[in-house]
C-alpha cells in the first residue's frame, strides 16, 4: 500500500528542537524528490525544504535557512527534517510529499507537483 507517514511532531518551547520523519512505502522511494511543507491556520501552504532523490541537492525556505536541515536515508525509505532554534512562527501542520519528476526548487515552490502526500504532523512552538 502506497503511503507516506510523518512522525516526530509535538509541543516544544521556543529555542528547542524537533526531528520530523517521513517514512515511505509502496513506491520506489529512491526515484523521488521529497519535500516538507507546512500550513498554519489562516496562512498559505509553504514549502519548507526539499531534497533530491540522491540527497545531493537541497532547498530551504528563507525563513528556515540555518535552523532546519533536511536529509534522507534511502536504505530506510525515510526523509528527516531536523528543526533547531524553533520559533513560535514555526507552529504549523507539517506534511511531506513525494514528486517523481521535479527539481528541489520546483517542488518547494509548487507543492502541486507532488504525486503523493502524507497525513501530516502538528508542530507547536510555545512557552
PDB file of N, CA and C in Angstrom:
ATOM      1  N   UNK A   1       0.841  -1.180   0.000  1.00  0.00           N
ATOM      2  CA  UNK A   1       0.000   0.000   0.000  1.00  0.00           C
ATOM      3  C   UNK A   1       0.884   1.241   0.000  1.00  0.00           C
ATOM      4  N   UNK A   2       0.600   2.165  -0.899  1.00  0.00           N
ATOM      5  CA  UNK A   2       1.400   3.365  -1.040  1.00  0.00           C
ATOM      6  C   UNK A   2       1.079   4.347   0.077  1.00  0.00           C
ATOM      7  N   UNK A   3       2.103   4.799   0.788  1.00  0.00           N
ATOM      8  CA  UNK A   3       1.851   5.794   1.808  1.00  0.00           C
ATOM      9  C   UNK A   3       3.115   6.514   2.245  1.00  0.00           C
ATOM     10  N   UNK A   4       2.894   7.710   2.772  1.00  0.00           N
ATOM     11  CA  UNK A   4       3.908   8.498   3.447  1.00  0.00           C
ATOM     12  C   UNK A   4       3.379   8.756   4.850  1.00  0.00           C
ATOM     13  N   UNK A   5       4.190   8.480   5.840  1.00  0.00           N
ATOM     14  CA  UNK A   5       3.757   8.641   7.223  1.00  0.00           C
ATOM     15  C   UNK A   5       4.735   9.540   7.965  1.00  0.00           C
ATOM     16  N   UNK A   6       4.227  10.677   8.431  1.00  0.00           N
ATOM     17  CA  UNK A   6       5.048  11.607   9.182  1.00  0.00           C
ATOM     18  C   UNK A   6       4.978  11.293  10.677  1.00  0.00           C
ATOM     19  N   UNK A   7       6.048  11.606  11.369  1.00  0.00           N
ATOM     20  CA  UNK A   7       6.080  11.469  12.817  1.00  0.00           C
ATOM     21  C   UNK A   7       7.088  12.443  13.386  1.00  0.00           C
ATOM     22  N   UNK A   8       7.045  12.637  14.691  1.00  0.00           N
ATOM     23  CA  UNK A   8       8.023  13.475  15.352  1.00  0.00           C
ATOM     24  C   UNK A   8       7.530  14.852  15.766  1.00  0.00           C
ATOM     25  N   UNK A   9       6.314  15.186  15.400  1.00  0.00           N
ATOM     26  CA  UNK A   9       5.781  16.482  15.797  1.00  0.00           C
ATOM     27  C   UNK A   9       5.458  16.519  17.279  1.00  0.00           C
ATOM     28  N   UNK A  10       5.112  17.718  17.757  1.00  0.00           N
ATOM     29  CA  UNK A  10       4.752  17.857  19.153  1.00  0.00           C
ATOM     30  C   UNK A  10       4.846  19.284  19.609  1.00  0.00           C
ATOM     31  N   UNK A  11       4.832  19.449  20.932  1.00  0.00           N
ATOM     32  CA  UNK A  11       4.929  20.761  21.554  1.00  0.00           C
ATOM     33  C   UNK A  11       6.350  20.976  22.061  1.00  0.00           C
ATOM     34  N   UNK A  12       6.916  22.121  21.718  1.00  0.00           N
ATOM     35  CA  UNK A  12       8.287  22.423  22.135  1.00  0.00           C
ATOM     36  C   UNK A  12       8.368  23.901  22.475  1.00  0.00           C
ATOM     37  N   UNK A  13       9.257  24.243  23.388  1.00  0.00           N
ATOM     38  CA  UNK A  13       9.438  25.645  23.751  1.00  0.00           C
ATOM     39  C   UNK A  13      10.277  26.371  22.702  1.00  0.00           C
ATOM     40  N   UNK A  14      10.126  27.677  22.603  1.00  0.00           N
ATOM     41  CA  UNK A  14      10.974  28.447  21.687  1.00  0.00           C
ATOM     42  C   UNK A  14      12.446  28.179  21.982  1.00  0.00           C
ATOM     43  N   UNK A  15      13.202  28.010  20.898  1.00  0.00           N
ATOM     44  CA  UNK A  15      14.621  27.688  21.020  1.00  0.00           C
ATOM     45  C   UNK A  15      14.902  26.199  21.043  1.00  0.00           C
ATOM     46  N   UNK A  16      13.853  25.399  21.157  1.00  0.00           N
ATOM     47  CA  UNK A  16      14.013  23.957  21.211  1.00  0.00           C
ATOM     48  C   UNK A  16      14.155  23.316  19.846  1.00  0.00           C
ATOM     49  N   UNK A  17      14.205  21.999  19.844  1.00  0.00           N
ATOM     50  CA  UNK A  17      14.417  21.238  18.612  1.00  0.00           C
ATOM     51  C   UNK A  17      13.407  20.095  18.497  1.00  0.00           C
ATOM     52  N   UNK A  18      13.120  19.761  17.260  1.00  0.00           N
ATOM     53  CA  UNK A  18      12.335  18.569  16.936  1.00  0.00           C
ATOM     54  C   UNK A  18      12.925  17.946  15.681  1.00  0.00           C
ATOM     55  N   UNK A  19      12.726  16.648  15.562  1.00  0.00           N
ATOM     56  CA  UNK A  19      13.150  15.950  14.347  1.00  0.00           C
ATOM     57  C   UNK A  19      11.939  15.241  13.766  1.00  0.00           C
ATOM     58  N   UNK A  20      11.536  15.678  12.588  1.00  0.00           N
ATOM     59  CA  UNK A  20      10.429  15.037  11.900  1.00  0.00           C
ATOM     60  C   UNK A  20      10.943  13.928  10.995  1.00  0.00           C
ATOM     61  N   UNK A  21      10.145  12.875  10.878  1.00  0.00           N
ATOM     62  CA  UNK A  21      10.463  11.782   9.968  1.00  0.00           C
ATOM     63  C   UNK A  21       9.315  11.587   8.995  1.00  0.00           C
ATOM     64  N   UNK A  22       9.658  11.168   7.799  1.00  0.00           N
ATOM     65  CA  UNK A  22       8.673  10.863   6.763  1.00  0.00           C
ATOM     66  C   UNK A  22       9.047   9.489   6.209  1.00  0.00           C
ATOM     67  N   UNK A  23       8.284   8.483   6.573  1.00  0.00           N
ATOM     68  CA  UNK A  23       8.562   7.114   6.163  1.00  0.00           C
ATOM     69  C   UNK A  23       7.681   6.740   4.978  1.00  0.00           C
ATOM     70  N   UNK A  24       8.309   6.229   3.932  1.00  0.00           N
ATOM     71  CA  UNK A  24       7.595   5.916   2.691  1.00  0.00           C
ATOM     72  C   UNK A  24       7.486   4.416   2.478  1.00  0.00           C
ATOM     73  N   UNK A  25       6.414   4.015   1.816  1.00  0.00           N
ATOM     74  CA  UNK A  25       6.257   2.618   1.439  1.00  0.00           C
ATOM     75  C   UNK A  25       5.327   2.544   0.229  1.00  0.00           C
ATOM     76  N   UNK A  26       5.467   1.459  -0.527  1.00  0.00           N
ATOM     77  CA  UNK A  26       4.568   1.224  -1.646  1.00  0.00           C
ATOM     78  C   UNK A  26       4.977   1.839  -2.962  1.00  0.00           C
ATOM     79  N   UNK A  27       6.114   2.526  -3.000  1.00  0.00           N
ATOM     80  CA  UNK A  27       6.621   3.052  -4.265  1.00  0.00           C
ATOM     81  C   UNK A  27       8.148   3.084  -4.187  1.00  0.00           C
ATOM     82  N   UNK A  28       8.785   3.318  -5.342  1.00  0.00           N
ATOM     83  CA  UNK A  28      10.249   3.271  -5.418  1.00  0.00           C
ATOM     84  C   UNK A  28      10.804   4.592  -4.917  1.00  0.00           C
ATOM     85  N   UNK A  29      11.033   4.627  -3.640  1.00  0.00           N
ATOM     86  CA  UNK A  29      11.389   5.855  -2.928  1.00  0.00           C
ATOM     87  C   UNK A  29      12.604   6.546  -3.525  1.00  0.00           C
ATOM     88  N   UNK A  30      13.577   5.782  -3.950  1.00  0.00           N
ATOM     89  CA  UNK A  30      14.858   6.365  -4.394  1.00  0.00           C
ATOM     90  C   UNK A  30      14.710   7.182  -5.671  1.00  0.00           C
ATOM     91  N   UNK A  31      13.591   7.077  -6.355  1.00  0.00           N
ATOM     92  CA  UNK A  31      13.375   7.834  -7.589  1.00  0.00           C
ATOM     93  C   UNK A  31      12.721   9.196  -7.346  1.00  0.00           C
ATOM     94  N   UNK A  32      12.359   9.469  -6.096  1.00  0.00           N
ATOM     95  CA  UNK A  32      11.514  10.611  -5.818  1.00  0.00           C
ATOM     96  C   UNK A  32      12.216  11.746  -5.074  1.00  0.00           C
ATOM     97  N   UNK A  33      11.940  12.964  -5.516  1.00  0.00           N
ATOM     98  CA  UNK A  33      12.249  14.157  -4.749  1.00  0.00           C
ATOM     99  C   UNK A  33      11.219  14.261  -3.625  1.00  0.00           C
ATOM    100  N   UNK A  34      11.690  14.592  -2.432  1.00  0.00           N
ATOM    101  CA  UNK A  34      10.808  14.672  -1.262  1.00  0.00           C
ATOM    102  C   UNK A  34      10.826  16.089  -0.717  1.00  0.00           C
ATOM    103  N   UNK A  35       9.661  16.567  -0.357  1.00  0.00           N
ATOM    104  CA  UNK A  35       9.566  17.902   0.215  1.00  0.00           C
ATOM    105  C   UNK A  35       8.798  17.910   1.521  1.00  0.00           C
ATOM    106  N   UNK A  36       9.162  18.861   2.364  1.00  0.00           N
ATOM    107  CA  UNK A  36       8.404  19.148   3.582  1.00  0.00           C
ATOM    108  C   UNK A  36       7.674  20.474   3.362  1.00  0.00           C
ATOM    109  N   UNK A  37       6.405  20.492   3.699  1.00  0.00           N
ATOM    110  CA  UNK A  37       5.570  21.672   3.576  1.00  0.00           C
ATOM    111  C   UNK A  37       4.878  21.917   4.913  1.00  0.00           C
ATOM    112  N   UNK A  38       4.446  23.134   5.114  1.00  0.00           N
ATOM    113  CA  UNK A  38       3.721  23.422   6.347  1.00  0.00           C
ATOM    114  C   UNK A  38       2.601  24.408   6.068  1.00  0.00           C
ATOM    115  N   UNK A  39       1.599  24.344   6.912  1.00  0.00           N
ATOM    116  CA  UNK A  39       0.490  25.277   6.799  1.00  0.00           C
ATOM    117  C   UNK A  39      -0.011  25.617   8.187  1.00  0.00           C
ATOM    118  N   UNK A  40      -0.039  26.891   8.468  1.00  0.00           N
ATOM    119  CA  UNK A  40      -0.560  27.391   9.728  1.00  0.00           C
ATOM    120  C   UNK A  40      -1.967  27.924   9.507  1.00  0.00           C
ATOM    121  N   UNK A  41      -2.777  27.972  10.552  1.00  0.00           N
ATOM    122  CA  UNK A  41      -4.150  28.475  10.399  1.00  0.00           C
ATOM    123  C   UNK A  41      -4.172  29.879   9.812  1.00  0.00           C
ATOM    124  N   UNK A  42      -4.945  30.064   8.771  1.00  0.00           N
ATOM    125  CA  UNK A  42      -5.075  31.374   8.158  1.00  0.00           C
ATOM    126  C   UNK A  42      -3.944  31.757   7.232  1.00  0.00           C
ATOM    127  N   UNK A  43      -3.004  30.841   7.014  1.00  0.00           N
ATOM    128  CA  UNK A  43      -1.866  31.136   6.138  1.00  0.00           C
ATOM    129  C   UNK A  43      -1.823  30.152   4.975  1.00  0.00           C
ATOM    130  N   UNK A  44      -1.126  30.555   3.934  1.00  0.00           N
ATOM    131  CA  UNK A  44      -0.962  29.673   2.780  1.00  0.00           C
ATOM    132  C   UNK A  44       0.068  28.579   3.089  1.00  0.00           C
ATOM    133  N   UNK A  45      -0.075  27.477   2.368  1.00  0.00           N
ATOM    134  CA  UNK A  45       0.899  26.403   2.497  1.00  0.00           C
ATOM    135  C   UNK A  45       2.270  26.902   2.025  1.00  0.00           C
ATOM    136  N   UNK A  46       3.305  26.502   2.718  1.00  0.00           N
ATOM    137  CA  UNK A  46       4.664  26.950   2.427  1.00  0.00           C
ATOM    138  C   UNK A  46       5.589  25.760   2.225  1.00  0.00           C
ATOM    139  N   UNK A  47       6.417  25.837   1.215  1.00  0.00           N
ATOM    140  CA  UNK A  47       7.448  24.834   1.024  1.00  0.00           C
ATOM    141  C   UNK A  47       8.596  25.105   1.988  1.00  0.00           C
ATOM    142  N   UNK A  48       8.849  24.197   2.894  1.00  0.00           N
ATOM    143  CA  UNK A  48       9.867  24.394   3.927  1.00  0.00           C
ATOM    144  C   UNK A  48      11.244  23.958   3.432  1.00  0.00           C
ATOM    145  N   UNK A  49      11.315  22.724   2.933  1.00  0.00           N
ATOM    146  CA  UNK A  49      12.587  22.188   2.471  1.00  0.00           C
ATOM    147  C   UNK A  49      12.329  20.998   1.572  1.00  0.00           C
ATOM    148  N   UNK A  50      13.202  20.841   0.593  1.00  0.00           N
ATOM    149  CA  UNK A  50      13.074  19.727  -0.350  1.00  0.00           C
ATOM    150  C   UNK A  50      14.437  19.096  -0.572  1.00  0.00           C
ATOM    151  N   UNK A  51      14.425  17.809  -0.912  1.00  0.00           N
ATOM    152  CA  UNK A  51      15.678  17.087  -1.128  1.00  0.00           C
ATOM    153  C   UNK A  51      15.539  16.200  -2.353  1.00  0.00           C
ATOM    154  N   UNK A  52      16.596  16.140  -3.145  1.00  0.00           N
ATOM    155  CA  UNK A  52      16.570  15.353  -4.367  1.00  0.00           C
ATOM    156  C   UNK A  52      16.614  13.861  -4.061  1.00  0.00           C
ATOM    157  N   UNK A  53      16.401  13.058  -5.089  1.00  0.00           N
ATOM    158  CA  UNK A  53      16.323  11.604  -4.907  1.00  0.00           C
ATOM    159  C   UNK A  53      17.610  11.030  -4.320  1.00  0.00           C
ATOM    160  N   UNK A  54      18.743  11.585  -4.732  1.00  0.00           N
ATOM    161  CA  UNK A  54      20.029  11.092  -4.230  1.00  0.00           C
ATOM    162  C   UNK A  54      20.410  11.724  -2.901  1.00  0.00           C
ATOM    163  N   UNK A  55      19.763  12.829  -2.574  1.00  0.00           N
ATOM    164  CA  UNK A  55      20.142  13.578  -1.380  1.00  0.00           C
ATOM    165  C   UNK A  55      21.190  14.633  -1.646  1.00  0.00           C
ATOM    166  N   UNK A  56      21.644  14.712  -2.902  1.00  0.00           N
ATOM    167  CA  UNK A  56      22.729  15.628  -3.215  1.00  0.00           C
ATOM    168  C   UNK A  56      22.317  17.080  -3.344  1.00  0.00           C
ATOM    169  N   UNK A  57      21.056  17.333  -3.606  1.00  0.00           N
ATOM    170  CA  UNK A  57      20.550  18.708  -3.734  1.00  0.00           C
ATOM    171  C   UNK A  57      19.459  18.968  -2.712  1.00  0.00           C
ATOM    172  N   UNK A  58      19.531  20.127  -2.103  1.00  0.00           N
ATOM    173  CA  UNK A  58      18.519  20.510  -1.126  1.00  0.00           C
ATOM    174  C   UNK A  58      18.082  21.948  -1.364  1.00  0.00           C
ATOM    175  N   UNK A  59      16.940  22.283  -0.833  1.00  0.00           N
ATOM    176  CA  UNK A  59      16.395  23.627  -0.954  1.00  0.00           C
ATOM    177  C   UNK A  59      15.694  23.979   0.358  1.00  0.00           C
ATOM    178  N   UNK A  60      15.837  25.234   0.777  1.00  0.00           N
ATOM    179  CA  UNK A  60      15.221  25.670   2.031  1.00  0.00           C
ATOM    180  C   UNK A  60      14.510  26.996   1.833  1.00  0.00           C
ATOM    181  N   UNK A  61      13.398  27.148   2.522  1.00  0.00           N
ATOM    182  CA  UNK A  61      12.757  28.450   2.582  1.00  0.00           C
ATOM    183  C   UNK A  61      13.661  29.417   3.350  1.00  0.00           C
ATOM    184  N   UNK A  62      13.644  30.676   2.975  1.00  0.00           N
ATOM    185  CA  UNK A  62      14.492  31.657   3.652  1.00  0.00           C
ATOM    186  C   UNK A  62      14.216  31.692   5.152  1.00  0.00           C
ATOM    187  N   UNK A  63      12.987  31.458   5.530  1.00  0.00           N
ATOM    188  CA  UNK A  63      12.592  31.556   6.934  1.00  0.00           C
ATOM    189  C   UNK A  63      13.200  30.467   7.812  1.00  0.00           C
ATOM    190  N   UNK A  64      13.721  29.394   7.193  1.00  0.00           N
ATOM    191  CA  UNK A  64      14.264  28.294   7.995  1.00  0.00           C
ATOM    192  C   UNK A  64      15.740  28.036   7.732  1.00  0.00           C
ATOM    193  N   UNK A  65      16.321  28.760   6.803  1.00  0.00           N
ATOM    194  CA  UNK A  65      17.749  28.551   6.491  1.00  0.00           C
ATOM    195  C   UNK A  65      18.606  28.755   7.726  1.00  0.00           C
ATOM    196  N   UNK A  66      19.526  27.822   7.934  1.00  0.00           N
ATOM    197  CA  UNK A  66      20.409  27.910   9.082  1.00  0.00           C
ATOM    198  C   UNK A  66      19.831  27.297  10.348  1.00  0.00           C
ATOM    199  N   UNK A  67      18.534  26.973  10.320  1.00  0.00           N
ATOM    200  CA  UNK A  67      17.907  26.375  11.505  1.00  0.00           C
ATOM    201  C   UNK A  67      17.409  24.955  11.239  1.00  0.00           C
ATOM    202  N   UNK A  68      16.974  24.683  10.016  1.00  0.00           N
ATOM    203  CA  UNK A  68      16.440  23.372   9.648  1.00  0.00           C
ATOM    204  C   UNK A  68      17.427  22.656   8.725  1.00  0.00           C
ATOM    205  N   UNK A  69      17.462  21.336   8.845  1.00  0.00           N
ATOM    206  CA  UNK A  69      18.303  20.519   7.985  1.00  0.00           C
ATOM    207  C   UNK A  69      17.509  19.316   7.491  1.00  0.00           C
ATOM    208  N   UNK A  70      17.462  19.154   6.183  1.00  0.00           N
ATOM    209  CA  UNK A  70      16.779  18.008   5.606  1.00  0.00           C
ATOM    210  C   UNK A  70      17.798  16.942   5.217  1.00  0.00           C
ATOM    211  N   UNK A  71      17.426  15.687   5.370  1.00  0.00           N
ATOM    212  CA  UNK A  71      18.301  14.586   4.975  1.00  0.00           C
ATOM    213  C   UNK A  71      17.426  13.383   4.639  1.00  0.00           C
ATOM    214  N   UNK A  72      18.035  12.386   4.026  1.00  0.00           N
ATOM    215  CA  UNK A  72      17.287  11.181   3.701  1.00  0.00           C
ATOM    216  C   UNK A  72      18.161   9.955   3.845  1.00  0.00           C
ATOM    217  N   UNK A  73      17.515   8.841   4.145  1.00  0.00           N
ATOM    218  CA  UNK A  73      18.161   7.542   4.216  1.00  0.00           C
ATOM    219  C   UNK A  73      17.410   6.638   3.245  1.00  0.00           C
ATOM    220  N   UNK A  74      17.938   6.472   2.053  1.00  0.00           N
ATOM    221  CA  UNK A  74      17.234   5.692   1.035  1.00  0.00           C
ATOM    222  C   UNK A  74      17.156   4.212   1.389  1.00  0.00           C
ATOM    223  N   UNK A  75      18.075   3.739   2.198  1.00  0.00           N
ATOM    224  CA  UNK A  75      18.019   2.340   2.622  1.00  0.00           C
ATOM    225  C   UNK A  75      16.828   2.084   3.540  1.00  0.00           C
ATOM    226  N   UNK A  76      16.372   3.153   4.225  1.00  0.00           N
ATOM    227  CA  UNK A  76      15.247   3.032   5.140  1.00  0.00           C
ATOM    228  C   UNK A  76      13.988   3.725   4.617  1.00  0.00           C
ATOM    229  N   UNK A  77      14.068   4.213   3.363  1.00  0.00           N
ATOM    230  CA  UNK A  77      12.909   4.895   2.756  1.00  0.00           C
ATOM    231  C   UNK A  77      12.370   6.004   3.658  1.00  0.00           C
ATOM    232  N   UNK A  78      13.264   6.795   4.190  1.00  0.00           N
ATOM    233  CA  UNK A  78      12.859   7.814   5.158  1.00  0.00           C
ATOM    234  C   UNK A  78      13.580   9.138   4.892  1.00  0.00           C
ATOM    235  N   UNK A  79      12.830  10.226   5.044  1.00  0.00           N
ATOM    236  CA  UNK A  79      13.387  11.570   4.986  1.00  0.00           C
ATOM    237  C   UNK A  79      13.196  12.211   6.359  1.00  0.00           C
ATOM    238  N   UNK A  80      14.198  12.984   6.773  1.00  0.00           N
ATOM    239  CA  UNK A  80      14.172  13.627   8.073  1.00  0.00           C
ATOM    240  C   UNK A  80      14.206  15.143   7.908  1.00  0.00           C
ATOM    241  N   UNK A  81      13.607  15.818   8.864  1.00  0.00           N
ATOM    242  CA  UNK A  81      13.722  17.272   8.940  1.00  0.00           C
ATOM    243  C   UNK A  81      14.122  17.610  10.374  1.00  0.00           C
ATOM    244  N   UNK A  82      15.395  17.963  10.542  1.00  0.00           N
ATOM    245  CA  UNK A  82      15.889  18.389  11.850  1.00  0.00           C
ATOM    246  C   UNK A  82      15.593  19.875  12.000  1.00  0.00           C
ATOM    247  N   UNK A  83      14.842  20.214  13.028  1.00  0.00           N
ATOM    248  CA  UNK A  83      14.429  21.601  13.240  1.00  0.00           C
ATOM    249  C   UNK A  83      15.011  22.091  14.550  1.00  0.00           C
ATOM    250  N   UNK A  84      15.914  23.044  14.461  1.00  0.00           N
ATOM    251  CA  UNK A  84      16.564  23.623  15.635  1.00  0.00           C
ATOM    252  C   UNK A  84      16.173  25.092  15.767  1.00  0.00           C
ATOM    253  N   UNK A  85      16.440  25.643  16.938  1.00  0.00           N
ATOM    254  CA  UNK A  85      16.135  27.054  17.215  1.00  0.00           C
ATOM    255  C   UNK A  85      14.713  27.398  16.797  1.00  0.00           C
ATOM    256  N   UNK A  86      13.801  26.561  17.204  1.00  0.00           N
ATOM    257  CA  UNK A  86      12.414  26.745  16.783  1.00  0.00           C
ATOM    258  C   UNK A  86      11.820  28.025  17.342  1.00  0.00           C
ATOM    259  N   UNK A  87      10.964  28.632  16.532  1.00  0.00           N
ATOM    260  CA  UNK A  87      10.328  29.902  16.863  1.00  0.00           C
ATOM    261  C   UNK A  87       8.807  29.704  16.847  1.00  0.00           C
ATOM    262  N   UNK A  88       8.075  30.526  17.572  1.00  0.00           N
ATOM    263  CA  UNK A  88       6.612  30.413  17.528  1.00  0.00           C
ATOM    264  C   UNK A  88       6.058  30.466  16.112  1.00  0.00           C
ATOM    265  N   UNK A  89       6.747  31.192  15.237  1.00  0.00           N
ATOM    266  CA  UNK A  89       6.292  31.297  13.848  1.00  0.00           C
ATOM    267  C   UNK A  89       6.415  29.984  13.084  1.00  0.00           C
ATOM    268  N   UNK A  90       7.116  29.019  13.641  1.00  0.00           N
ATOM    269  CA  UNK A  90       7.232  27.701  13.004  1.00  0.00           C
ATOM    270  C   UNK A  90       6.033  26.815  13.316  1.00  0.00           C
ATOM    271  N   UNK A  91       5.161  27.257  14.182  1.00  0.00           N
ATOM    272  CA  UNK A  91       3.972  26.487  14.515  1.00  0.00           C
ATOM    273  C   UNK A  91       3.111  26.291  13.276  1.00  0.00           C
ATOM    274  N   UNK A  92       2.836  25.026  12.954  1.00  0.00           N
ATOM    275  CA  UNK A  92       2.071  24.702  11.747  1.00  0.00           C
ATOM    276  C   UNK A  92       1.860  23.194  11.680  1.00  0.00           C
ATOM    277  N   UNK A  93       1.040  22.793  10.721  1.00  0.00           N
ATOM    278  CA  UNK A  93       0.887  21.384  10.397  1.00  0.00           C
ATOM    279  C   UNK A  93       1.901  21.092   9.294  1.00  0.00           C
ATOM    280  N   UNK A  94       2.747  20.095   9.521  1.00  0.00           N
ATOM    281  CA  UNK A  94       3.836  19.786   8.594  1.00  0.00           C
ATOM    282  C   UNK A  94       3.505  18.510   7.815  1.00  0.00           C
ATOM    283  N   UNK A  95       3.684  18.591   6.500  1.00  0.00           N
ATOM    284  CA  UNK A  95       3.418  17.473   5.608  1.00  0.00           C
ATOM    285  C   UNK A  95       4.679  17.124   4.833  1.00  0.00           C
ATOM    286  N   UNK A  96       4.829  15.853   4.459  1.00  0.00           N
ATOM    287  CA  UNK A  96       5.838  15.515   3.482  1.00  0.00           C
ATOM    288  C   UNK A  96       5.133  15.073   2.194  1.00  0.00           C
ATOM    289  N   UNK A  97       5.828  15.238   1.096  1.00  0.00           N
ATOM    290  CA  UNK A  97       5.263  14.895  -0.201  1.00  0.00           C
ATOM    291  C   UNK A  97       6.367  14.382  -1.107  1.00  0.00           C
ATOM    292  N   UNK A  98       5.987  13.551  -2.068  1.00  0.00           N
ATOM    293  CA  UNK A  98       6.933  12.938  -2.989  1.00  0.00           C
ATOM    294  C   UNK A  98       6.585  13.302  -4.418  1.00  0.00           C
ATOM    295  N   UNK A  99       7.598  13.645  -5.192  1.00  0.00           N
ATOM    296  CA  UNK A  99       7.411  14.004  -6.596  1.00  0.00           C
ATOM    297  C   UNK A  99       8.365  13.199  -7.449  1.00  0.00           C
ATOM    298  N   UNK A 100       7.831  12.523  -8.474  1.00  0.00           N
ATOM    299  CA  UNK A 100       8.661  11.654  -9.308  1.00  0.00           C
ATOM    300  C   UNK A 100       9.548  12.462 -10.241  1.00  0.00           C
ATOM    301  N   UNK A 101       9.029  13.521 -10.799  1.00  0.00           N
ATOM    302  CA  UNK A 101       9.804  14.300 -11.757  1.00  0.00           C
ATOM    303  C   UNK A 101       9.789  15.767 -11.350  1.00  0.00           C
ATOM    304  N   UNK A 102      10.739  16.132 -10.526  1.00  0.00           N
ATOM    305  CA  UNK A 102      10.808  17.525 -10.101  1.00  0.00           C
ATOM    306  C   UNK A 102      12.172  17.833  -9.530  1.00  0.00           C
ATOM    307  N   UNK A 103      12.620  19.041  -9.785  1.00  0.00           N
ATOM    308  CA  UNK A 103      13.794  19.517  -9.081  1.00  0.00           C
ATOM    309  C   UNK A 103      13.376  19.929  -7.670  1.00  0.00           C
ATOM    310  N   UNK A 104      14.357  20.100  -6.801  1.00  0.00           N
ATOM    311  CA  UNK A 104      14.022  20.510  -5.444  1.00  0.00           C
ATOM    312  C   UNK A 104      13.424  21.907  -5.438  1.00  0.00           C
ATOM    313  N   UNK A 105      13.952  22.762  -6.308  1.00  0.00           N
ATOM    314  CA  UNK A 105      13.452  24.123  -6.346  1.00  0.00           C
ATOM    315  C   UNK A 105      12.000  24.165  -6.817  1.00  0.00           C
ATOM    316  N   UNK A 106      11.724  23.413  -7.867  1.00  0.00           N
ATOM    317  CA  UNK A 106      10.365  23.427  -8.421  1.00  0.00           C
ATOM    318  C   UNK A 106       9.360  22.851  -7.433  1.00  0.00           C
ATOM    319  N   UNK A 107       9.743  21.789  -6.738  1.00  0.00           N
ATOM    320  CA  UNK A 107       8.811  21.173  -5.800  1.00  0.00           C
ATOM    321  C   UNK A 107       8.522  22.106  -4.637  1.00  0.00           C
ATOM    322  N   UNK A 108       9.551  22.741  -4.098  1.00  0.00           N
ATOM    323  CA  UNK A 108       9.336  23.613  -2.942  1.00  0.00           C
ATOM    324  C   UNK A 108       8.496  24.841  -3.303  1.00  0.00           C
ATOM    325  N   UNK A 109       8.585  25.278  -4.562  1.00  0.00           N
ATOM    326  CA  UNK A 109       7.774  26.418  -4.996  1.00  0.00           C
ATOM    327  C   UNK A 109       6.330  25.995  -5.238  1.00  0.00           C
ATOM    328  N   UNK A 110       6.162  24.835  -5.815  1.00  0.00           N
ATOM    329  CA  UNK A 110       4.832  24.397  -6.219  1.00  0.00           C
ATOM    330  C   UNK A 110       4.542  22.993  -5.706  1.00  0.00           C
ATOM    331  N   UNK A 111       3.844  22.907  -4.589  1.00  0.00           N
ATOM    332  CA  UNK A 111       3.530  21.615  -3.980  1.00  0.00           C
ATOM    333  C   UNK A 111       2.628  20.765  -4.870  1.00  0.00           C
ATOM    334  N   UNK A 112       1.948  21.380  -5.821  1.00  0.00           N
ATOM    335  CA  UNK A 112       1.065  20.627  -6.711  1.00  0.00           C
ATOM    336  C   UNK A 112       1.839  19.693  -7.641  1.00  0.00           C
ATOM    337  N   UNK A 113       3.153  19.826  -7.668  1.00  0.00           N
ATOM    338  CA  UNK A 113       3.977  18.908  -8.453  1.00  0.00           C
ATOM    339  C   UNK A 113       4.071  17.538  -7.774  1.00  0.00           C
ATOM    340  N   UNK A 114       3.603  17.448  -6.542  1.00  0.00           N
ATOM    341  CA  UNK A 114       3.712  16.201  -5.784  1.00  0.00           C
ATOM    342  C   UNK A 114       2.781  15.120  -6.329  1.00  0.00           C
ATOM    343  N   UNK A 115       3.273  13.891  -6.252  1.00  0.00           N
ATOM    344  CA  UNK A 115       2.457  12.736  -6.627  1.00  0.00           C
ATOM    345  C   UNK A 115       1.764  12.130  -5.414  1.00  0.00           C
ATOM    346  N   UNK A 116       2.435  12.189  -4.261  1.00  0.00           N
ATOM    347  CA  UNK A 116       1.898  11.568  -3.055  1.00  0.00           C
ATOM    348  C   UNK A 116       2.091  12.498  -1.862  1.00  0.00           C
ATOM    349  N   UNK A 117       1.152  12.411  -0.925  1.00  0.00           N
ATOM    350  CA  UNK A 117       1.183  13.232   0.288  1.00  0.00           C
ATOM    351  C   UNK A 117       0.995  12.367   1.522  1.00  0.00           C
ATOM    352  N   UNK A 118       1.620  12.814   2.602  1.00  0.00           N
ATOM    353  CA  UNK A 118       1.351  12.196   3.885  1.00  0.00           C
ATOM    354  C   UNK A 118       0.196  12.876   4.586  1.00  0.00           C
ATOM    355  N   UNK A 119      -0.141  12.381   5.765  1.00  0.00           N
ATOM    356  CA  UNK A 119      -1.267  12.920   6.529  1.00  0.00           C
ATOM    357  C   UNK A 119      -0.857  14.105   7.392  1.00  0.00           C
ATOM    358  N   UNK A 120       0.401  14.237   7.663  1.00  0.00           N
ATOM    359  CA  UNK A 120       0.886  15.402   8.399  1.00  0.00           C
ATOM    360  C   UNK A 120       1.068  15.165   9.883  1.00  0.00           C
ATOM    361  N   UNK A 121       1.810  16.099  10.495  1.00  0.00           N
ATOM    362  CA  UNK A 121       2.044  16.070  11.930  1.00  0.00           C
ATOM    363  C   UNK A 121       2.094  17.505  12.440  1.00  0.00           C
ATOM    364  N   UNK A 122       1.526  17.727  13.617  1.00  0.00           N
ATOM    365  CA  UNK A 122       1.451  19.070  14.160  1.00  0.00           C
ATOM    366  C   UNK A 122       2.718  19.429  14.915  1.00  0.00           C
ATOM    367  N   UNK A 123       3.218  20.629  14.654  1.00  0.00           N
ATOM    368  CA  UNK A 123       4.340  21.190  15.405  1.00  0.00           C
ATOM    369  C   UNK A 123       3.857  22.482  16.061  1.00  0.00           C
ATOM    370  N   UNK A 124       3.994  22.542  17.366  1.00  0.00           N
ATOM    371  CA  UNK A 124       3.592  23.729  18.122  1.00  0.00           C
ATOM    372  C   UNK A 124       4.773  24.225  18.932  1.00  0.00           C
ATOM    373  N   UNK A 125       5.139  25.480  18.703  1.00  0.00           N
ATOM    374  CA  UNK A 125       6.252  26.101  19.423  1.00  0.00           C
ATOM    375  C   UNK A 125       5.666  27.171  20.329  1.00  0.00           C
ATOM    376  N   UNK A 126       5.722  26.908  21.620  1.00  0.00           N
ATOM    377  CA  UNK A 126       5.089  27.815  22.571  1.00  0.00           C
ATOM    378  C   UNK A 126       5.694  27.625  23.953  1.00  0.00           C
ATOM    379  N   UNK A 127       5.749  28.721  24.689  1.00  0.00           N
ATOM    380  CA  UNK A 127       6.220  28.642  26.071  1.00  0.00           C
ATOM    381  C   UNK A 127       5.048  28.441  27.020  1.00  0.00           C
TER     382      UNK A 127
END
